[in-house]
Amino acid sequence: MLVLTRKAGESIVIGGDVELTVLEIDGDHIRLGIQAPRSVPIYRAELWAEIQRENALAANQGATTSAALMALTPRVQATRPAVRWRAARERRRASTP
């Protein structure tokens, strides 16, 4: 594991097209911003683990792919506020002289 130290406002670039920025540090909480192409899936680790468990369960039970995806839809939609936040940030950047 690569460990880097960053201050608020500083970034790292991953693979040339993903930028991770430390937006805010407040005690034990760190607010991160991720700039990435829409084709790059981004999940919190606990959500990714749950998706993997659901996929394994669906494969073991012989469930259809569409049924497994429908079961995950409410959880994936929970990440949508991040998309709205990213769009708002881009609008603020565009309007700043």
N, C-alpha and C. Protein backbone atom coordinates (compact mmCIF):
# COMPACT_ATOMS: atom_id res chain seq x y z
N MET A 1 0.85 -1.17 0.00
CA MET A 1 0.00 0.00 0.00
C MET A 1 0.89 1.23 0.00
N LEU A 2 0.62 2.14 -0.90
CA LEU A 2 1.33 3.42 -0.95
C LEU A 2 0.64 4.37 0.03
N VAL A 3 1.41 5.01 0.89
CA VAL A 3 0.86 5.95 1.86
C VAL A 3 1.41 7.33 1.54
N LEU A 4 0.51 8.29 1.33
CA LEU A 4 0.89 9.66 1.02
C LEU A 4 0.31 10.61 2.06
N THR A 5 0.98 11.71 2.28
CA THR A 5 0.47 12.74 3.17
C THR A 5 0.03 13.92 2.31
N ARG A 6 -1.19 14.38 2.52
CA ARG A 6 -1.74 15.51 1.78
C ARG A 6 -2.44 16.44 2.75
N LYS A 7 -2.39 17.72 2.47
CA LYS A 7 -3.12 18.72 3.25
C LYS A 7 -4.40 19.07 2.50
N ALA A 8 -5.31 19.75 3.17
CA ALA A 8 -6.55 20.19 2.53
C ALA A 8 -6.20 21.02 1.30
N GLY A 9 -6.87 20.73 0.20
CA GLY A 9 -6.64 21.43 -1.05
C GLY A 9 -5.60 20.77 -1.94
N GLU A 10 -4.87 19.80 -1.43
CA GLU A 10 -3.86 19.10 -2.22
C GLU A 10 -4.46 17.85 -2.86
N SER A 11 -3.85 17.41 -3.97
CA SER A 11 -4.40 16.29 -4.74
C SER A 11 -3.33 15.26 -5.06
N ILE A 12 -3.82 14.10 -5.50
CA ILE A 12 -2.97 13.10 -6.13
C ILE A 12 -3.68 12.68 -7.41
N VAL A 13 -2.91 12.21 -8.38
CA VAL A 13 -3.46 11.75 -9.65
C VAL A 13 -3.18 10.26 -9.76
N ILE A 14 -4.20 9.51 -10.16
CA ILE A 14 -4.09 8.06 -10.29
C ILE A 14 -4.34 7.71 -11.76
N GLY A 15 -3.37 7.09 -12.37
CA GLY A 15 -3.55 6.61 -13.74
C GLY A 15 -3.73 7.69 -14.78
N GLY A 16 -3.45 8.92 -14.46
CA GLY A 16 -3.53 10.00 -15.43
C GLY A 16 -4.91 10.60 -15.63
N ASP A 17 -5.98 9.89 -15.23
CA ASP A 17 -7.31 10.44 -15.46
C ASP A 17 -8.20 10.47 -14.22
N VAL A 18 -7.65 10.09 -13.08
CA VAL A 18 -8.39 10.15 -11.83
C VAL A 18 -7.63 11.05 -10.87
N GLU A 19 -8.30 12.08 -10.38
CA GLU A 19 -7.68 13.00 -9.43
C GLU A 19 -8.44 12.93 -8.10
N LEU A 20 -7.70 12.70 -7.03
CA LEU A 20 -8.26 12.61 -5.68
C LEU A 20 -7.77 13.83 -4.91
N THR A 21 -8.71 14.64 -4.41
CA THR A 21 -8.37 15.88 -3.71
C THR A 21 -8.90 15.84 -2.28
N VAL A 22 -8.05 16.22 -1.34
CA VAL A 22 -8.48 16.37 0.05
C VAL A 22 -9.18 17.72 0.14
N LEU A 23 -10.48 17.70 0.37
CA LEU A 23 -11.27 18.92 0.42
C LEU A 23 -11.28 19.54 1.80
N GLU A 24 -11.41 18.70 2.81
CA GLU A 24 -11.57 19.21 4.17
C GLU A 24 -11.13 18.15 5.17
N ILE A 25 -10.49 18.60 6.23
CA ILE A 25 -10.11 17.71 7.32
C ILE A 25 -10.76 18.27 8.58
N ASP A 26 -11.55 17.44 9.24
CA ASP A 26 -12.26 17.86 10.45
C ASP A 26 -12.16 16.74 11.47
N GLY A 27 -11.14 16.80 12.33
CA GLY A 27 -10.95 15.76 13.33
C GLY A 27 -10.66 14.43 12.67
N ASP A 28 -11.52 13.43 12.94
CA ASP A 28 -11.34 12.09 12.38
C ASP A 28 -11.97 11.95 10.99
N HIS A 29 -12.59 13.01 10.48
CA HIS A 29 -13.27 12.93 9.19
C HIS A 29 -12.48 13.67 8.12
N ILE A 30 -12.37 13.05 6.98
CA ILE A 30 -11.71 13.66 5.83
C ILE A 30 -12.71 13.67 4.69
N ARG A 31 -12.89 14.81 4.06
CA ARG A 31 -13.79 14.92 2.92
C ARG A 31 -12.93 14.89 1.66
N LEU A 32 -13.21 13.92 0.79
CA LEU A 32 -12.43 13.73 -0.43
C LEU A 32 -13.27 14.09 -1.65
N GLY A 33 -12.62 14.63 -2.65
CA GLY A 33 -13.24 14.87 -3.94
C GLY A 33 -12.56 14.00 -4.97
N ILE A 34 -13.34 13.38 -5.83
CA ILE A 34 -12.78 12.50 -6.85
C ILE A 34 -13.22 13.00 -8.22
N GLN A 35 -12.26 13.33 -9.05
CA GLN A 35 -12.52 13.74 -10.43
C GLN A 35 -12.11 12.57 -11.31
N ALA A 36 -13.07 11.97 -11.99
CA ALA A 36 -12.79 10.80 -12.82
C ALA A 36 -13.78 10.74 -13.98
N PRO A 37 -13.39 10.08 -15.06
CA PRO A 37 -14.35 9.89 -16.16
C PRO A 37 -15.55 9.08 -15.67
N ARG A 38 -16.70 9.31 -16.29
CA ARG A 38 -17.91 8.59 -15.89
C ARG A 38 -17.76 7.08 -16.10
N SER A 39 -16.86 6.68 -16.96
CA SER A 39 -16.66 5.25 -17.23
C SER A 39 -15.92 4.54 -16.11
N VAL A 40 -15.37 5.30 -15.17
CA VAL A 40 -14.63 4.71 -14.04
C VAL A 40 -15.58 4.55 -12.86
N PRO A 41 -15.90 3.31 -12.48
CA PRO A 41 -16.80 3.13 -11.33
C PRO A 41 -16.07 3.47 -10.03
N ILE A 42 -16.75 4.18 -9.14
CA ILE A 42 -16.17 4.56 -7.85
C ILE A 42 -17.15 4.14 -6.76
N TYR A 43 -16.66 3.32 -5.83
CA TYR A 43 -17.49 2.82 -4.74
C TYR A 43 -16.76 2.99 -3.42
N ARG A 44 -17.50 3.21 -2.35
CA ARG A 44 -16.92 3.10 -1.01
C ARG A 44 -16.59 1.63 -0.80
N ALA A 45 -15.55 1.34 -0.02
CA ALA A 45 -15.10 -0.04 0.18
C ALA A 45 -16.21 -0.94 0.72
N GLU A 46 -17.00 -0.45 1.68
CA GLU A 46 -18.03 -1.29 2.27
C GLU A 46 -19.15 -1.58 1.27
N LEU A 47 -19.44 -0.63 0.38
CA LEU A 47 -20.45 -0.86 -0.65
C LEU A 47 -19.93 -1.86 -1.68
N TRP A 48 -18.67 -1.74 -2.06
CA TRP A 48 -18.08 -2.68 -3.01
C TRP A 48 -18.10 -4.11 -2.45
N ALA A 49 -17.78 -4.26 -1.18
CA ALA A 49 -17.81 -5.59 -0.55
C ALA A 49 -19.23 -6.16 -0.58
N GLU A 50 -20.22 -5.32 -0.33
CA GLU A 50 -21.61 -5.77 -0.36
C GLU A 50 -22.03 -6.18 -1.77
N ILE A 51 -21.62 -5.43 -2.76
CA ILE A 51 -21.91 -5.79 -4.15
C ILE A 51 -21.29 -7.13 -4.49
N GLN A 52 -20.06 -7.33 -4.06
CA GLN A 52 -19.39 -8.61 -4.33
C GLN A 52 -20.12 -9.77 -3.65
N ARG A 53 -20.57 -9.57 -2.40
CA ARG A 53 -21.32 -10.61 -1.70
C ARG A 53 -22.63 -10.92 -2.43
N GLU A 54 -23.34 -9.86 -2.85
CA GLU A 54 -24.60 -10.05 -3.56
C GLU A 54 -24.37 -10.79 -4.88
N ASN A 55 -23.30 -10.44 -5.58
CA ASN A 55 -23.00 -11.12 -6.85
C ASN A 55 -22.70 -12.59 -6.61
N ALA A 56 -21.93 -12.89 -5.59
CA ALA A 56 -21.60 -14.29 -5.29
C ALA A 56 -22.87 -15.06 -4.90
N LEU A 57 -23.72 -14.43 -4.10
CA LEU A 57 -24.97 -15.07 -3.70
C LEU A 57 -25.85 -15.34 -4.91
N ALA A 58 -25.95 -14.36 -5.80
CA ALA A 58 -26.78 -14.52 -7.00
C ALA A 58 -26.23 -15.63 -7.88
N ALA A 59 -24.92 -15.71 -8.01
CA ALA A 59 -24.32 -16.75 -8.84
C ALA A 59 -24.56 -18.13 -8.22
N ASN A 60 -24.48 -18.23 -6.91
CA ASN A 60 -24.69 -19.51 -6.23
C ASN A 60 -26.15 -19.95 -6.29
N GLN A 61 -27.06 -19.01 -6.30
CA GLN A 61 -28.48 -19.35 -6.32
C GLN A 61 -29.02 -19.45 -7.75
N GLY A 62 -28.19 -19.16 -8.73
CA GLY A 62 -28.63 -19.23 -10.11
C GLY A 62 -29.59 -18.12 -10.50
N ALA A 63 -29.55 -17.01 -9.77
CA ALA A 63 -30.43 -15.88 -10.08
C ALA A 63 -30.00 -15.23 -11.39
N THR A 64 -30.92 -14.63 -12.07
CA THR A 64 -30.59 -13.94 -13.32
C THR A 64 -29.85 -12.66 -13.00
N THR A 65 -29.05 -12.21 -13.94
CA THR A 65 -28.27 -10.99 -13.75
C THR A 65 -29.17 -9.79 -13.49
N SER A 66 -30.28 -9.70 -14.21
CA SER A 66 -31.15 -8.55 -14.03
C SER A 66 -31.77 -8.52 -12.63
N ALA A 67 -32.12 -9.67 -12.09
CA ALA A 67 -32.69 -9.70 -10.74
C ALA A 67 -31.65 -9.27 -9.71
N ALA A 68 -30.41 -9.70 -9.88
CA ALA A 68 -29.35 -9.31 -8.95
C ALA A 68 -29.11 -7.81 -9.02
N LEU A 69 -29.11 -7.24 -10.22
CA LEU A 69 -28.89 -5.80 -10.37
C LEU A 69 -30.05 -5.01 -9.77
N MET A 70 -31.27 -5.49 -9.96
CA MET A 70 -32.43 -4.80 -9.41
C MET A 70 -32.37 -4.77 -7.88
N ALA A 71 -31.85 -5.83 -7.27
CA ALA A 71 -31.73 -5.87 -5.82
C ALA A 71 -30.72 -4.85 -5.32
N LEU A 72 -29.72 -4.51 -6.13
CA LEU A 72 -28.67 -3.57 -5.73
C LEU A 72 -29.02 -2.12 -6.04
N THR A 73 -29.98 -1.87 -6.89
CA THR A 73 -30.29 -0.53 -7.35
C THR A 73 -30.46 0.49 -6.22
N PRO A 74 -31.24 0.23 -5.16
CA PRO A 74 -31.39 1.25 -4.11
C PRO A 74 -30.05 1.62 -3.46
N ARG A 75 -29.16 0.66 -3.31
CA ARG A 75 -27.87 0.95 -2.66
C ARG A 75 -26.98 1.79 -3.57
N VAL A 76 -26.98 1.49 -4.85
CA VAL A 76 -26.15 2.24 -5.79
C VAL A 76 -26.67 3.66 -5.92
N GLN A 77 -27.98 3.84 -5.90
CA GLN A 77 -28.54 5.18 -6.00
C GLN A 77 -28.16 6.04 -4.82
N ALA A 78 -27.79 5.43 -3.70
CA ALA A 78 -27.38 6.21 -2.53
C ALA A 78 -26.12 7.02 -2.80
N THR A 79 -25.35 6.66 -3.83
CA THR A 79 -24.12 7.40 -4.16
C THR A 79 -24.40 8.59 -5.06
N ARG A 80 -25.62 8.77 -5.54
CA ARG A 80 -25.95 9.86 -6.45
C ARG A 80 -25.69 11.26 -5.89
N PRO A 81 -25.85 11.53 -4.57
CA PRO A 81 -25.54 12.87 -4.08
C PRO A 81 -24.11 13.30 -4.40
N ALA A 82 -23.19 12.37 -4.47
CA ALA A 82 -21.81 12.69 -4.82
C ALA A 82 -21.73 13.22 -6.25
N VAL A 83 -22.55 12.66 -7.14
CA VAL A 83 -22.57 13.13 -8.52
C VAL A 83 -23.09 14.56 -8.57
N ARG A 84 -24.16 14.85 -7.82
CA ARG A 84 -24.69 16.21 -7.79
C ARG A 84 -23.68 17.18 -7.19
N TRP A 85 -22.97 16.74 -6.15
CA TRP A 85 -21.97 17.59 -5.51
C TRP A 85 -20.85 17.90 -6.49
N ARG A 86 -20.42 16.92 -7.28
CA ARG A 86 -19.35 17.12 -8.25
C ARG A 86 -19.79 18.14 -9.30
N ALA A 87 -21.03 18.04 -9.78
CA ALA A 87 -21.54 18.98 -10.78
C ALA A 87 -21.59 20.40 -10.21
N ALA A 88 -22.01 20.54 -8.96
CA ALA A 88 -22.07 21.86 -8.33
C ALA A 88 -20.67 22.44 -8.19
N ARG A 89 -19.70 21.61 -7.84
CA ARG A 89 -18.32 22.08 -7.71
C ARG A 89 -17.79 22.56 -9.06
N GLU A 90 -18.10 21.84 -10.12
CA GLU A 90 -17.65 22.23 -11.45
C GLU A 90 -18.28 23.58 -11.87
N ARG A 91 -19.55 23.79 -11.52
CA ARG A 91 -20.19 25.07 -11.82
C ARG A 91 -19.51 26.20 -11.06
N ARG A 92 -19.16 25.95 -9.78
CA ARG A 92 -18.47 26.98 -9.00
C ARG A 92 -17.10 27.30 -9.61
N ARG A 93 -16.38 26.28 -10.04
CA ARG A 93 -15.07 26.50 -10.66
C ARG A 93 -15.19 27.32 -11.95
N ALA A 94 -16.22 27.00 -12.72
CA ALA A 94 -16.41 27.70 -14.01
C ALA A 94 -16.77 29.16 -13.80
N SER A 95 -17.46 29.48 -12.71
CA SER A 95 -17.89 30.86 -12.48
C SER A 95 -16.85 31.69 -11.72
N THR A 96 -15.79 31.05 -11.21
CA THR A 96 -14.75 31.77 -10.48
C THR A 96 -13.75 32.38 -11.47
N PRO A 97 -13.50 33.69 -11.34
CA PRO A 97 -12.58 34.35 -12.31
C PRO A 97 -11.15 33.88 -12.16
